[in-house]
Amino acid sequence: EEQFKKRGVKNVVQYTTPKFRPITDAQRSQLVRQKYVWKMGDSYQKLADAYYGDATLWWVLAWYNQKPTDALVKIGDTIRVPQPLETVLGFFGV
C-alpha cells in the first residue's frame, strides 16, 4: 500500500487470461503461416510489431497459437504467424 501511495496509484486492475476460440479448418485454409522459433527476450508484442507493424495485435499470435499469454511459450517452441493480417482480423469483424 505504501508503494501505491508513493506512486499515486489508487487501485490496481487485474485482468483474466483471455480465452480464444480455436481456429476452424475453414479459417486456417485462408491463411499463410510463417514459422518462427521463440527466442529469449521474445514477446507477442515484439513479434506483432515486427510482423504486423502494430504491437497491439499481439492477441492475433496468441489466438492462432492457442497460447493466451507469451508466458506459455518456451524458448525453442515454434509458433506460427498467420497472414494476411486483414483476413485474420476479418474473422473477428475488425
N, C-alpha and C. Protein backbone atom coordinates (compact mmCIF):
# COMPACT_ATOMS: atom_id res chain seq x y z
N GLU A 1 0.82 -1.19 0.00
CA GLU A 1 0.00 0.00 0.00
C GLU A 1 0.86 1.25 0.00
N GLU A 2 1.97 1.18 0.72
CA GLU A 2 2.86 2.34 0.80
C GLU A 2 3.40 2.70 -0.59
N GLN A 3 3.78 1.70 -1.35
CA GLN A 3 4.31 1.94 -2.71
C GLN A 3 3.23 2.54 -3.61
N PHE A 4 2.01 2.07 -3.46
CA PHE A 4 0.92 2.61 -4.26
C PHE A 4 0.72 4.10 -3.94
N LYS A 5 0.74 4.43 -2.67
CA LYS A 5 0.57 5.82 -2.27
C LYS A 5 1.67 6.70 -2.83
N LYS A 6 2.93 6.21 -2.76
CA LYS A 6 4.06 6.97 -3.29
C LYS A 6 3.91 7.25 -4.78
N ARG A 7 3.33 6.31 -5.47
CA ARG A 7 3.19 6.43 -6.94
C ARG A 7 1.86 7.03 -7.37
N GLY A 8 1.01 7.32 -6.43
CA GLY A 8 -0.28 7.90 -6.76
C GLY A 8 -1.25 6.91 -7.37
N VAL A 9 -1.06 5.63 -7.07
CA VAL A 9 -1.94 4.59 -7.61
C VAL A 9 -3.10 4.40 -6.64
N LYS A 10 -4.31 4.59 -7.14
CA LYS A 10 -5.49 4.45 -6.29
C LYS A 10 -6.04 3.04 -6.28
N ASN A 11 -5.90 2.34 -7.39
CA ASN A 11 -6.37 0.96 -7.45
C ASN A 11 -5.58 0.19 -8.50
N VAL A 12 -5.66 -1.12 -8.41
CA VAL A 12 -4.99 -2.00 -9.35
C VAL A 12 -6.07 -2.83 -10.03
N VAL A 13 -6.01 -2.87 -11.35
CA VAL A 13 -6.96 -3.65 -12.11
C VAL A 13 -6.27 -4.93 -12.56
N GLN A 14 -6.89 -6.06 -12.28
CA GLN A 14 -6.36 -7.34 -12.73
C GLN A 14 -7.29 -7.88 -13.81
N TYR A 15 -6.69 -8.39 -14.85
CA TYR A 15 -7.45 -8.94 -15.96
C TYR A 15 -7.34 -10.45 -15.96
N THR A 16 -8.37 -11.11 -16.40
CA THR A 16 -8.32 -12.56 -16.51
C THR A 16 -7.61 -12.92 -17.80
N THR A 17 -7.06 -14.11 -17.84
CA THR A 17 -6.42 -14.59 -19.06
C THR A 17 -7.49 -14.77 -20.12
N PRO A 18 -7.29 -14.20 -21.31
CA PRO A 18 -8.33 -14.33 -22.34
C PRO A 18 -8.47 -15.77 -22.80
N LYS A 19 -9.68 -16.12 -23.19
CA LYS A 19 -9.95 -17.45 -23.75
C LYS A 19 -10.28 -17.26 -25.22
N PHE A 20 -9.51 -17.90 -26.07
CA PHE A 20 -9.69 -17.77 -27.50
C PHE A 20 -10.39 -19.00 -28.05
N ARG A 21 -11.36 -18.77 -28.91
CA ARG A 21 -11.98 -19.93 -29.55
C ARG A 21 -10.99 -20.47 -30.57
N PRO A 22 -10.93 -21.77 -30.73
CA PRO A 22 -9.97 -22.35 -31.68
C PRO A 22 -10.25 -21.92 -33.11
N ILE A 23 -9.21 -21.86 -33.90
CA ILE A 23 -9.36 -21.56 -35.32
C ILE A 23 -10.02 -22.76 -36.00
N THR A 24 -10.89 -22.49 -36.93
CA THR A 24 -11.55 -23.56 -37.66
C THR A 24 -10.71 -23.97 -38.87
N ASP A 25 -10.97 -25.14 -39.40
CA ASP A 25 -10.25 -25.58 -40.61
C ASP A 25 -10.53 -24.64 -41.78
N ALA A 26 -11.76 -24.16 -41.88
CA ALA A 26 -12.11 -23.24 -42.96
C ALA A 26 -11.30 -21.94 -42.85
N GLN A 27 -11.15 -21.43 -41.63
CA GLN A 27 -10.35 -20.21 -41.44
C GLN A 27 -8.88 -20.49 -41.74
N ARG A 28 -8.39 -21.60 -41.23
CA ARG A 28 -6.97 -21.95 -41.43
C ARG A 28 -6.63 -22.05 -42.92
N SER A 29 -7.55 -22.54 -43.72
CA SER A 29 -7.28 -22.72 -45.15
C SER A 29 -7.13 -21.38 -45.89
N GLN A 30 -7.57 -20.30 -45.27
CA GLN A 30 -7.48 -18.98 -45.89
C GLN A 30 -6.16 -18.26 -45.58
N LEU A 31 -5.33 -18.90 -44.78
CA LEU A 31 -4.13 -18.21 -44.29
C LEU A 31 -2.84 -18.86 -44.75
N VAL A 32 -1.82 -18.04 -44.80
CA VAL A 32 -0.45 -18.50 -44.98
C VAL A 32 0.19 -18.37 -43.60
N ARG A 33 0.96 -19.36 -43.22
CA ARG A 33 1.55 -19.34 -41.89
C ARG A 33 3.07 -19.35 -41.99
N GLN A 34 3.66 -18.39 -41.33
CA GLN A 34 5.12 -18.31 -41.30
C GLN A 34 5.59 -18.86 -39.95
N LYS A 35 6.58 -19.74 -39.98
CA LYS A 35 7.10 -20.32 -38.74
C LYS A 35 8.10 -19.36 -38.11
N TYR A 36 8.09 -19.34 -36.78
CA TYR A 36 9.03 -18.53 -36.02
C TYR A 36 9.45 -19.34 -34.79
N VAL A 37 10.74 -19.43 -34.54
CA VAL A 37 11.24 -20.13 -33.36
C VAL A 37 11.44 -19.11 -32.24
N TRP A 38 10.77 -19.36 -31.14
CA TRP A 38 10.78 -18.45 -29.98
C TRP A 38 12.17 -18.40 -29.37
N LYS A 39 12.64 -17.16 -29.12
CA LYS A 39 13.97 -16.95 -28.55
C LYS A 39 13.87 -16.20 -27.22
N MET A 40 14.94 -16.21 -26.47
CA MET A 40 14.96 -15.47 -25.22
C MET A 40 14.70 -13.99 -25.51
N GLY A 41 13.84 -13.40 -24.72
CA GLY A 41 13.52 -11.99 -24.88
C GLY A 41 12.34 -11.72 -25.80
N ASP A 42 11.82 -12.77 -26.45
CA ASP A 42 10.67 -12.58 -27.34
C ASP A 42 9.40 -12.33 -26.54
N SER A 43 8.48 -11.67 -27.19
CA SER A 43 7.14 -11.48 -26.64
C SER A 43 6.19 -11.36 -27.81
N TYR A 44 4.93 -11.63 -27.55
CA TYR A 44 3.94 -11.47 -28.61
C TYR A 44 3.93 -10.02 -29.11
N GLN A 45 4.11 -9.07 -28.21
CA GLN A 45 4.09 -7.66 -28.62
C GLN A 45 5.22 -7.36 -29.59
N LYS A 46 6.41 -7.83 -29.29
CA LYS A 46 7.55 -7.58 -30.18
C LYS A 46 7.34 -8.22 -31.54
N LEU A 47 6.83 -9.45 -31.55
CA LEU A 47 6.61 -10.13 -32.83
C LEU A 47 5.48 -9.48 -33.62
N ALA A 48 4.43 -9.07 -32.94
CA ALA A 48 3.33 -8.39 -33.63
C ALA A 48 3.83 -7.10 -34.27
N ASP A 49 4.68 -6.40 -33.56
CA ASP A 49 5.25 -5.17 -34.11
C ASP A 49 6.12 -5.48 -35.33
N ALA A 50 6.93 -6.53 -35.23
CA ALA A 50 7.83 -6.89 -36.33
C ALA A 50 7.07 -7.39 -37.56
N TYR A 51 6.06 -8.21 -37.36
CA TYR A 51 5.35 -8.82 -38.50
C TYR A 51 4.17 -8.00 -38.99
N TYR A 52 3.49 -7.31 -38.07
CA TYR A 52 2.28 -6.58 -38.44
C TYR A 52 2.44 -5.06 -38.35
N GLY A 53 3.55 -4.61 -37.77
CA GLY A 53 3.74 -3.18 -37.61
C GLY A 53 2.90 -2.56 -36.51
N ASP A 54 2.36 -3.40 -35.62
CA ASP A 54 1.48 -2.92 -34.56
C ASP A 54 1.53 -3.88 -33.38
N ALA A 55 2.18 -3.46 -32.30
CA ALA A 55 2.33 -4.32 -31.12
C ALA A 55 1.01 -4.67 -30.47
N THR A 56 -0.02 -3.84 -30.67
CA THR A 56 -1.31 -4.11 -30.04
C THR A 56 -2.01 -5.33 -30.65
N LEU A 57 -1.48 -5.83 -31.75
CA LEU A 57 -2.07 -7.02 -32.38
C LEU A 57 -1.45 -8.31 -31.86
N TRP A 58 -0.83 -8.24 -30.68
CA TRP A 58 -0.23 -9.42 -30.05
C TRP A 58 -1.22 -10.55 -29.92
N TRP A 59 -2.48 -10.22 -29.70
CA TRP A 59 -3.52 -11.22 -29.47
C TRP A 59 -3.75 -12.12 -30.69
N VAL A 60 -3.42 -11.64 -31.89
CA VAL A 60 -3.55 -12.47 -33.09
C VAL A 60 -2.62 -13.68 -32.97
N LEU A 61 -1.39 -13.45 -32.54
CA LEU A 61 -0.44 -14.54 -32.37
C LEU A 61 -0.88 -15.47 -31.25
N ALA A 62 -1.38 -14.89 -30.16
CA ALA A 62 -1.85 -15.70 -29.03
C ALA A 62 -3.02 -16.57 -29.46
N TRP A 63 -3.96 -15.99 -30.18
CA TRP A 63 -5.14 -16.73 -30.64
C TRP A 63 -4.74 -17.85 -31.58
N TYR A 64 -3.96 -17.53 -32.59
CA TYR A 64 -3.63 -18.53 -33.60
C TYR A 64 -2.86 -19.70 -32.99
N ASN A 65 -1.97 -19.41 -32.08
CA ASN A 65 -1.14 -20.46 -31.47
C ASN A 65 -1.78 -21.09 -30.24
N GLN A 66 -2.98 -20.62 -29.88
CA GLN A 66 -3.74 -21.14 -28.74
C GLN A 66 -2.94 -21.13 -27.44
N LYS A 67 -2.17 -20.07 -27.27
CA LYS A 67 -1.43 -19.82 -26.03
C LYS A 67 -1.73 -18.38 -25.66
N PRO A 68 -2.69 -18.17 -24.74
CA PRO A 68 -3.19 -16.83 -24.48
C PRO A 68 -2.20 -15.83 -23.90
N THR A 69 -1.10 -16.30 -23.35
CA THR A 69 -0.06 -15.37 -22.90
C THR A 69 1.29 -15.87 -23.37
N ASP A 70 2.20 -14.96 -23.61
CA ASP A 70 3.52 -15.39 -24.08
C ASP A 70 4.31 -16.10 -22.99
N ALA A 71 3.84 -16.03 -21.76
CA ALA A 71 4.48 -16.79 -20.68
C ALA A 71 4.33 -18.30 -20.90
N LEU A 72 3.39 -18.69 -21.74
CA LEU A 72 3.15 -20.11 -22.02
C LEU A 72 4.03 -20.64 -23.16
N VAL A 73 4.77 -19.74 -23.81
CA VAL A 73 5.64 -20.14 -24.91
C VAL A 73 7.05 -20.31 -24.35
N LYS A 74 7.67 -21.43 -24.67
CA LYS A 74 9.02 -21.71 -24.17
C LYS A 74 10.06 -21.44 -25.25
N ILE A 75 11.26 -21.12 -24.82
CA ILE A 75 12.36 -20.93 -25.76
C ILE A 75 12.52 -22.20 -26.58
N GLY A 76 12.60 -22.04 -27.89
CA GLY A 76 12.71 -23.17 -28.80
C GLY A 76 11.39 -23.63 -29.39
N ASP A 77 10.27 -23.18 -28.82
CA ASP A 77 8.96 -23.52 -29.38
C ASP A 77 8.80 -22.85 -30.74
N THR A 78 8.13 -23.53 -31.64
CA THR A 78 7.81 -22.94 -32.93
C THR A 78 6.40 -22.40 -32.87
N ILE A 79 6.26 -21.13 -33.14
CA ILE A 79 4.92 -20.56 -33.25
C ILE A 79 4.71 -20.19 -34.71
N ARG A 80 3.48 -19.97 -35.05
CA ARG A 80 3.13 -19.62 -36.43
C ARG A 80 2.55 -18.21 -36.46
N VAL A 81 2.95 -17.48 -37.47
CA VAL A 81 2.47 -16.11 -37.66
C VAL A 81 1.49 -16.16 -38.84
N PRO A 82 0.19 -16.00 -38.57
CA PRO A 82 -0.81 -16.07 -39.64
C PRO A 82 -0.86 -14.78 -40.46
N GLN A 83 -0.97 -14.97 -41.77
CA GLN A 83 -1.09 -13.84 -42.68
C GLN A 83 -2.00 -14.25 -43.83
N PRO A 84 -2.65 -13.37 -44.52
CA PRO A 84 -2.60 -11.92 -44.38
C PRO A 84 -3.40 -11.44 -43.16
N LEU A 85 -2.90 -10.41 -42.55
CA LEU A 85 -3.49 -9.87 -41.34
C LEU A 85 -4.94 -9.46 -41.58
N GLU A 86 -5.24 -8.88 -42.71
CA GLU A 86 -6.61 -8.43 -43.00
C GLU A 86 -7.60 -9.58 -42.92
N THR A 87 -7.19 -10.75 -43.38
CA THR A 87 -8.07 -11.92 -43.33
C THR A 87 -8.30 -12.34 -41.89
N VAL A 88 -7.23 -12.38 -41.10
CA VAL A 88 -7.35 -12.76 -39.69
C VAL A 88 -8.29 -11.79 -38.97
N LEU A 89 -8.08 -10.52 -39.15
CA LEU A 89 -8.92 -9.52 -38.48
C LEU A 89 -10.38 -9.64 -38.92
N GLY A 90 -10.58 -10.04 -40.18
CA GLY A 90 -11.93 -10.24 -40.69
C GLY A 90 -12.67 -11.34 -39.94
N PHE A 91 -11.97 -12.33 -39.42
CA PHE A 91 -12.60 -13.39 -38.63
C PHE A 91 -13.25 -12.82 -37.38
N PHE A 92 -12.76 -11.67 -36.92
CA PHE A 92 -13.25 -11.06 -35.70
C PHE A 92 -14.10 -9.80 -35.98
N GLY A 93 -14.36 -9.54 -37.25
CA GLY A 93 -15.15 -8.37 -37.61
C GLY A 93 -14.43 -7.06 -37.38
N VAL A 94 -13.08 -7.12 -37.41
CA VAL A 94 -12.28 -5.92 -37.18
C VAL A 94 -11.92 -5.30 -38.50
